[in-house]
N, C-alpha and C. Protein backbone atom coordinates (compact mmCIF):
# COMPACT_ATOMS: atom_id res chain seq x y z
N MET A 1 83.07 105.37 105.97
CA MET A 1 81.90 105.10 105.17
C MET A 1 81.49 103.63 105.27
N SER A 2 82.48 102.71 105.27
CA SER A 2 82.18 101.30 105.23
C SER A 2 82.55 100.61 106.53
N ALA A 3 81.60 99.85 107.09
CA ALA A 3 81.89 99.05 108.28
C ALA A 3 82.22 97.62 107.87
N ASN A 4 81.90 97.26 106.63
CA ASN A 4 82.15 95.92 106.11
C ASN A 4 83.54 95.84 105.49
N PRO A 5 84.02 94.59 105.29
CA PRO A 5 85.32 94.45 104.61
C PRO A 5 85.26 95.10 103.23
N ILE A 6 86.40 95.65 102.81
CA ILE A 6 86.47 96.31 101.51
C ILE A 6 86.56 95.23 100.43
N PRO A 7 85.70 95.28 99.43
CA PRO A 7 85.73 94.24 98.40
C PRO A 7 86.98 94.35 97.51
N ARG A 8 87.42 93.21 97.00
CA ARG A 8 88.50 93.21 96.02
C ARG A 8 87.92 93.67 94.69
N ILE A 9 88.58 94.65 94.10
CA ILE A 9 88.06 95.27 92.88
C ILE A 9 89.07 95.06 91.75
N SER A 10 88.58 94.55 90.62
CA SER A 10 89.46 94.31 89.47
C SER A 10 89.87 95.64 88.84
N GLU A 11 90.84 95.57 87.96
CA GLU A 11 91.33 96.78 87.29
C GLU A 11 90.21 97.51 86.54
N THR A 12 89.39 96.77 85.84
CA THR A 12 88.29 97.38 85.09
C THR A 12 87.23 97.94 86.03
N GLU A 13 86.98 97.25 87.14
CA GLU A 13 86.02 97.74 88.12
C GLU A 13 86.51 99.04 88.76
N TRP A 14 87.83 99.20 88.89
CA TRP A 14 88.39 100.47 89.40
C TRP A 14 87.95 101.62 88.50
N GLU A 15 87.99 101.41 87.19
CA GLU A 15 87.59 102.47 86.26
C GLU A 15 86.14 102.88 86.49
N VAL A 16 85.28 101.88 86.69
CA VAL A 16 83.87 102.17 86.95
C VAL A 16 83.71 102.91 88.28
N MET A 17 84.41 102.44 89.30
CA MET A 17 84.32 103.09 90.61
C MET A 17 84.81 104.54 90.53
N ARG A 18 85.88 104.78 89.78
CA ARG A 18 86.37 106.17 89.64
C ARG A 18 85.30 107.05 88.99
N ALA A 19 84.58 106.49 88.02
CA ALA A 19 83.50 107.24 87.37
C ALA A 19 82.39 107.55 88.37
N VAL A 20 82.13 106.65 89.29
CA VAL A 20 81.10 106.89 90.31
C VAL A 20 81.61 107.89 91.34
N TRP A 21 82.85 107.69 91.80
CA TRP A 21 83.42 108.61 92.79
C TRP A 21 83.54 110.03 92.24
N ALA A 22 83.64 110.18 90.94
CA ALA A 22 83.78 111.51 90.33
C ALA A 22 82.55 112.38 90.58
N GLY A 23 81.44 111.77 90.88
CA GLY A 23 80.23 112.53 91.16
C GLY A 23 79.08 111.57 91.42
N HIS A 24 78.57 111.59 92.61
CA HIS A 24 77.47 110.69 92.94
C HIS A 24 76.49 111.39 93.85
N PRO A 25 75.25 110.94 93.87
CA PRO A 25 74.74 109.78 93.14
C PRO A 25 74.80 110.01 91.63
N ALA A 26 74.85 108.89 90.90
CA ALA A 26 74.96 109.00 89.43
C ALA A 26 74.12 107.90 88.79
N THR A 27 73.49 108.26 87.71
CA THR A 27 72.73 107.25 86.96
C THR A 27 73.69 106.40 86.15
N ALA A 28 73.20 105.25 85.71
CA ALA A 28 74.01 104.37 84.87
C ALA A 28 74.44 105.13 83.61
N SER A 29 73.55 105.92 83.05
CA SER A 29 73.88 106.69 81.83
C SER A 29 75.01 107.69 82.09
N GLU A 30 74.95 108.36 83.22
CA GLU A 30 76.01 109.32 83.56
C GLU A 30 77.36 108.61 83.73
N ILE A 31 77.33 107.47 84.38
CA ILE A 31 78.56 106.70 84.59
C ILE A 31 79.12 106.24 83.26
N ILE A 32 78.26 105.75 82.39
CA ILE A 32 78.69 105.29 81.06
C ILE A 32 79.27 106.45 80.26
N GLU A 33 78.66 107.63 80.35
CA GLU A 33 79.20 108.81 79.65
C GLU A 33 80.59 109.16 80.15
N ARG A 34 80.80 109.10 81.47
CA ARG A 34 82.13 109.40 82.04
C ARG A 34 83.16 108.39 81.56
N LEU A 35 82.77 107.13 81.54
CA LEU A 35 83.70 106.08 81.07
C LEU A 35 84.05 106.29 79.60
N ALA A 36 83.05 106.58 78.79
CA ALA A 36 83.27 106.78 77.35
C ALA A 36 84.09 108.03 77.07
N ALA A 37 83.96 109.04 77.92
CA ALA A 37 84.75 110.27 77.75
C ALA A 37 86.23 109.96 77.96
N ALA A 38 86.53 109.07 78.90
CA ALA A 38 87.92 108.70 79.19
C ALA A 38 88.45 107.69 78.18
N ASP A 39 87.58 106.82 77.69
CA ASP A 39 87.98 105.77 76.74
C ASP A 39 86.77 105.42 75.87
N PRO A 40 86.76 105.90 74.62
CA PRO A 40 85.61 105.69 73.75
C PRO A 40 85.28 104.22 73.45
N SER A 41 86.16 103.30 73.78
CA SER A 41 85.89 101.89 73.50
C SER A 41 84.95 101.24 74.52
N TRP A 42 84.57 101.98 75.57
CA TRP A 42 83.64 101.43 76.56
C TRP A 42 82.30 101.13 75.91
N HIS A 43 81.78 99.92 76.15
CA HIS A 43 80.47 99.54 75.64
C HIS A 43 79.47 99.61 76.80
N PRO A 44 78.29 100.21 76.57
CA PRO A 44 77.31 100.35 77.66
C PRO A 44 76.96 99.03 78.36
N LYS A 45 76.85 97.95 77.59
CA LYS A 45 76.50 96.65 78.19
C LYS A 45 77.60 96.18 79.15
N THR A 46 78.85 96.40 78.78
CA THR A 46 79.97 96.04 79.65
C THR A 46 79.91 96.84 80.94
N ALA A 47 79.67 98.13 80.81
CA ALA A 47 79.58 98.99 82.00
C ALA A 47 78.45 98.54 82.91
N LYS A 48 77.30 98.21 82.36
CA LYS A 48 76.16 97.76 83.17
C LYS A 48 76.46 96.44 83.86
N THR A 49 77.17 95.55 83.18
CA THR A 49 77.57 94.28 83.79
C THR A 49 78.49 94.54 84.98
N LEU A 50 79.44 95.45 84.80
CA LEU A 50 80.37 95.78 85.88
C LEU A 50 79.66 96.48 87.03
N LEU A 51 78.70 97.34 86.74
CA LEU A 51 77.92 97.99 87.80
C LEU A 51 77.20 96.93 88.63
N ALA A 52 76.59 95.96 87.96
CA ALA A 52 75.88 94.88 88.67
C ALA A 52 76.86 94.07 89.53
N ARG A 53 78.04 93.80 89.00
CA ARG A 53 79.06 93.05 89.75
C ARG A 53 79.50 93.83 90.99
N LEU A 54 79.67 95.14 90.84
CA LEU A 54 80.08 95.98 91.97
C LEU A 54 78.98 96.07 93.03
N VAL A 55 77.73 95.99 92.61
CA VAL A 55 76.62 95.94 93.57
C VAL A 55 76.69 94.61 94.34
N ARG A 56 76.91 93.48 93.62
CA ARG A 56 77.03 92.17 94.28
C ARG A 56 78.19 92.14 95.26
N LYS A 57 79.27 92.84 94.92
CA LYS A 57 80.46 92.88 95.80
C LYS A 57 80.29 93.87 96.95
N ALA A 58 79.17 94.57 97.00
CA ALA A 58 78.88 95.58 98.04
C ALA A 58 79.81 96.78 97.97
N ALA A 59 80.29 97.10 96.76
CA ALA A 59 81.06 98.32 96.55
C ALA A 59 80.12 99.47 96.18
N LEU A 60 78.99 99.11 95.57
CA LEU A 60 77.98 100.09 95.16
C LEU A 60 76.61 99.65 95.66
N ASP A 61 75.73 100.63 95.79
CA ASP A 61 74.32 100.36 96.01
C ASP A 61 73.57 101.16 94.96
N TYR A 62 72.33 100.81 94.74
CA TYR A 62 71.55 101.55 93.75
C TYR A 62 70.11 101.68 94.22
N GLU A 63 69.46 102.64 93.60
CA GLU A 63 68.04 102.85 93.84
C GLU A 63 67.38 102.96 92.48
N ALA A 64 66.32 102.20 92.28
CA ALA A 64 65.58 102.28 91.03
C ALA A 64 64.66 103.49 91.11
N GLN A 65 64.79 104.36 90.11
CA GLN A 65 63.91 105.53 90.01
C GLN A 65 63.23 105.44 88.66
N GLY A 66 62.08 104.77 88.67
CA GLY A 66 61.41 104.50 87.40
C GLY A 66 62.26 103.51 86.61
N ARG A 67 62.62 103.91 85.39
CA ARG A 67 63.44 103.03 84.55
C ARG A 67 64.94 103.29 84.72
N ARG A 68 65.28 104.25 85.57
CA ARG A 68 66.70 104.60 85.79
C ARG A 68 67.20 103.98 87.08
N TYR A 69 68.47 103.65 87.07
CA TYR A 69 69.14 103.18 88.28
C TYR A 69 70.12 104.27 88.69
N VAL A 70 70.05 104.64 89.96
CA VAL A 70 70.94 105.67 90.49
C VAL A 70 71.89 104.99 91.49
N TYR A 71 73.18 105.13 91.21
CA TYR A 71 74.22 104.44 91.99
C TYR A 71 74.90 105.36 92.99
N GLU A 72 75.28 104.74 94.11
CA GLU A 72 75.97 105.44 95.19
C GLU A 72 77.06 104.49 95.70
N PRO A 73 78.27 104.97 95.92
CA PRO A 73 79.32 104.08 96.44
C PRO A 73 79.07 103.72 97.90
N LEU A 74 79.39 102.48 98.25
CA LEU A 74 79.32 102.04 99.64
C LEU A 74 80.69 102.07 100.29
N VAL A 75 81.72 102.29 99.47
CA VAL A 75 83.10 102.39 99.96
C VAL A 75 83.72 103.64 99.35
N THR A 76 84.63 104.24 100.08
CA THR A 76 85.30 105.42 99.57
C THR A 76 86.51 105.02 98.74
N GLU A 77 86.97 105.95 97.93
CA GLU A 77 88.18 105.71 97.15
C GLU A 77 89.36 105.48 98.10
N ARG A 78 89.41 106.26 99.15
CA ARG A 78 90.51 106.13 100.13
C ARG A 78 90.53 104.72 100.75
N GLU A 79 89.36 104.19 101.11
CA GLU A 79 89.27 102.84 101.67
C GLU A 79 89.76 101.80 100.67
N CYS A 80 89.36 101.95 99.42
CA CYS A 80 89.76 100.99 98.39
C CYS A 80 91.26 101.08 98.10
N VAL A 81 91.80 102.28 98.08
CA VAL A 81 93.24 102.45 97.86
C VAL A 81 94.01 101.80 99.02
N ALA A 82 93.55 102.01 100.24
CA ALA A 82 94.23 101.42 101.41
C ALA A 82 94.19 99.89 101.34
N ALA A 83 93.04 99.32 101.00
CA ALA A 83 92.91 97.87 100.93
C ALA A 83 93.77 97.29 99.80
N ALA A 84 93.74 97.94 98.62
CA ALA A 84 94.54 97.46 97.49
C ALA A 84 96.03 97.59 97.77
N SER A 85 96.42 98.67 98.43
CA SER A 85 97.83 98.88 98.78
C SER A 85 98.31 97.81 99.75
N ALA A 86 97.52 97.53 100.76
CA ALA A 86 97.89 96.52 101.75
C ALA A 86 97.99 95.14 101.10
N SER A 87 97.04 94.84 100.20
CA SER A 87 97.05 93.56 99.50
C SER A 87 98.30 93.44 98.62
N PHE A 88 98.62 94.50 97.88
CA PHE A 88 99.81 94.52 97.03
C PHE A 88 101.08 94.33 97.87
N LEU A 89 101.18 95.08 98.94
CA LEU A 89 102.35 95.01 99.81
C LEU A 89 102.54 93.58 100.34
N GLU A 90 101.46 92.97 100.76
CA GLU A 90 101.53 91.61 101.29
C GLU A 90 101.89 90.60 100.20
N ARG A 91 101.22 90.68 99.05
CA ARG A 91 101.45 89.72 97.96
C ARG A 91 102.85 89.81 97.37
N VAL A 92 103.29 91.04 97.10
CA VAL A 92 104.53 91.23 96.35
C VAL A 92 105.75 91.34 97.24
N PHE A 93 105.61 91.95 98.40
CA PHE A 93 106.76 92.21 99.26
C PHE A 93 106.65 91.53 100.64
N GLY A 94 105.74 90.57 100.76
CA GLY A 94 105.59 89.85 102.02
C GLY A 94 105.23 90.75 103.18
N GLY A 95 104.62 91.88 102.89
CA GLY A 95 104.19 92.82 103.92
C GLY A 95 105.27 93.79 104.38
N ALA A 96 106.48 93.67 103.82
CA ALA A 96 107.59 94.52 104.25
C ALA A 96 107.61 95.82 103.45
N LEU A 97 107.47 96.93 104.16
CA LEU A 97 107.40 98.24 103.53
C LEU A 97 108.75 98.71 102.98
N LYS A 98 109.82 98.51 103.74
CA LYS A 98 111.13 99.02 103.33
C LYS A 98 111.57 98.48 101.96
N PRO A 99 111.49 97.16 101.69
CA PRO A 99 111.88 96.68 100.36
C PRO A 99 111.02 97.26 99.24
N MET A 100 109.74 97.48 99.53
CA MET A 100 108.87 98.07 98.50
C MET A 100 109.31 99.49 98.18
N LEU A 101 109.53 100.29 99.22
CA LEU A 101 109.97 101.67 98.99
C LEU A 101 111.31 101.70 98.26
N ALA A 102 112.24 100.83 98.70
CA ALA A 102 113.55 100.77 98.05
C ALA A 102 113.40 100.41 96.58
N HIS A 103 112.56 99.45 96.29
CA HIS A 103 112.34 99.05 94.89
C HIS A 103 111.86 100.22 94.04
N PHE A 104 110.85 100.93 94.51
CA PHE A 104 110.31 102.03 93.71
C PHE A 104 111.28 103.20 93.60
N VAL A 105 111.99 103.49 94.66
CA VAL A 105 112.95 104.59 94.60
C VAL A 105 114.10 104.24 93.65
N GLU A 106 114.57 102.99 93.69
CA GLU A 106 115.69 102.57 92.83
C GLU A 106 115.28 102.36 91.38
N SER A 107 114.04 101.95 91.13
CA SER A 107 113.64 101.61 89.76
C SER A 107 113.01 102.77 88.99
N ARG A 108 112.70 103.85 89.67
CA ARG A 108 112.09 105.00 89.00
C ARG A 108 112.97 106.22 89.20
N ARG A 109 113.06 107.01 88.17
CA ARG A 109 113.84 108.24 88.27
C ARG A 109 112.97 109.31 88.92
N LEU A 110 113.37 109.73 90.13
CA LEU A 110 112.61 110.74 90.86
C LEU A 110 113.28 112.10 90.69
N SER A 111 112.47 113.12 90.55
CA SER A 111 113.00 114.49 90.47
C SER A 111 113.46 114.92 91.86
N ARG A 112 114.24 115.99 91.90
CA ARG A 112 114.67 116.53 93.20
C ARG A 112 113.46 116.91 94.06
N ALA A 113 112.44 117.47 93.42
CA ALA A 113 111.24 117.87 94.16
C ALA A 113 110.53 116.63 94.74
N GLU A 114 110.44 115.56 93.95
CA GLU A 114 109.81 114.33 94.44
C GLU A 114 110.62 113.73 95.59
N LEU A 115 111.95 113.74 95.46
CA LEU A 115 112.80 113.23 96.54
C LEU A 115 112.61 114.05 97.82
N ALA A 116 112.54 115.36 97.67
CA ALA A 116 112.34 116.23 98.83
C ALA A 116 110.98 115.95 99.48
N GLU A 117 109.97 115.76 98.66
CA GLU A 117 108.63 115.47 99.18
C GLU A 117 108.62 114.12 99.90
N LEU A 118 109.29 113.13 99.32
CA LEU A 118 109.38 111.82 99.94
C LEU A 118 110.13 111.91 101.28
N ARG A 119 111.22 112.64 101.29
CA ARG A 119 111.99 112.82 102.51
C ARG A 119 111.11 113.48 103.59
N GLN A 120 110.37 114.48 103.19
CA GLN A 120 109.49 115.18 104.14
C GLN A 120 108.43 114.23 104.70
N LEU A 121 107.86 113.39 103.86
CA LEU A 121 106.88 112.40 104.32
C LEU A 121 107.50 111.43 105.31
N LEU A 122 108.70 110.97 105.01
CA LEU A 122 109.36 110.00 105.87
C LEU A 122 109.77 110.60 107.22
N GLU A 123 110.08 111.88 107.22
CA GLU A 123 110.53 112.54 108.45
C GLU A 123 109.37 113.05 109.31
N ARG A 124 108.19 113.09 108.74
CA ARG A 124 107.03 113.61 109.46
C ARG A 124 106.71 112.72 110.66
N GLU A 125 106.38 113.36 111.75
CA GLU A 125 106.01 112.64 112.98
C GLU A 125 104.70 111.90 112.74
N THR A 126 104.63 110.67 113.24
CA THR A 126 103.41 109.90 113.18
C THR A 126 102.92 109.66 114.60
N PRO A 127 101.62 109.37 114.79
CA PRO A 127 101.11 109.10 116.14
C PRO A 127 101.88 107.96 116.80
N GLU A 128 102.27 106.93 116.02
CA GLU A 128 103.00 105.80 116.58
C GLU A 128 104.38 106.21 117.09
N SER A 129 105.09 107.07 116.33
CA SER A 129 106.44 107.49 116.76
C SER A 129 106.34 108.37 118.00
N ASN A 130 105.25 109.13 118.14
CA ASN A 130 105.06 109.94 119.33
C ASN A 130 104.84 109.07 120.57
N ARG A 131 104.12 107.94 120.42
CA ARG A 131 103.88 107.04 121.54
C ARG A 131 105.18 106.40 122.02
N ARG A 132 106.08 106.08 121.09
CA ARG A 132 107.35 105.46 121.45
C ARG A 132 108.21 106.41 122.27
N LYS A 133 108.10 107.71 122.03
CA LYS A 133 108.89 108.70 122.75
C LYS A 133 108.45 108.85 124.20
N SER A 134 107.16 108.56 124.47
CA SER A 134 106.60 108.77 125.81
C SER A 134 107.09 107.75 126.80
């Protein structure tokens, strides 16, 4: 979806983006309703400020339809998750995946089903591992 760099999105902006990703295009009113349904403390003015910030960051675009603004994401949730994950991995673990995985596995109690699923993910063939075999 995006050819441009993925913008850094704050925690609160993530909530707004999730409301947009839940169904778009969406008017500001629809987005505000979704936010308020999840957390009644959302104030419409705050949401509109964040929508404008996300437009400036090129995470959202909008079209004015009379007095309504209709928003459309310029980045996918998957793209934002990938960018945030890479940033977190680099900041907290110096880019090293193994210490991060070890930390989460050791610090959280995983069920047998979760462990089996994790094992299956780790054992799954990747395009890179297939190239090494050739």
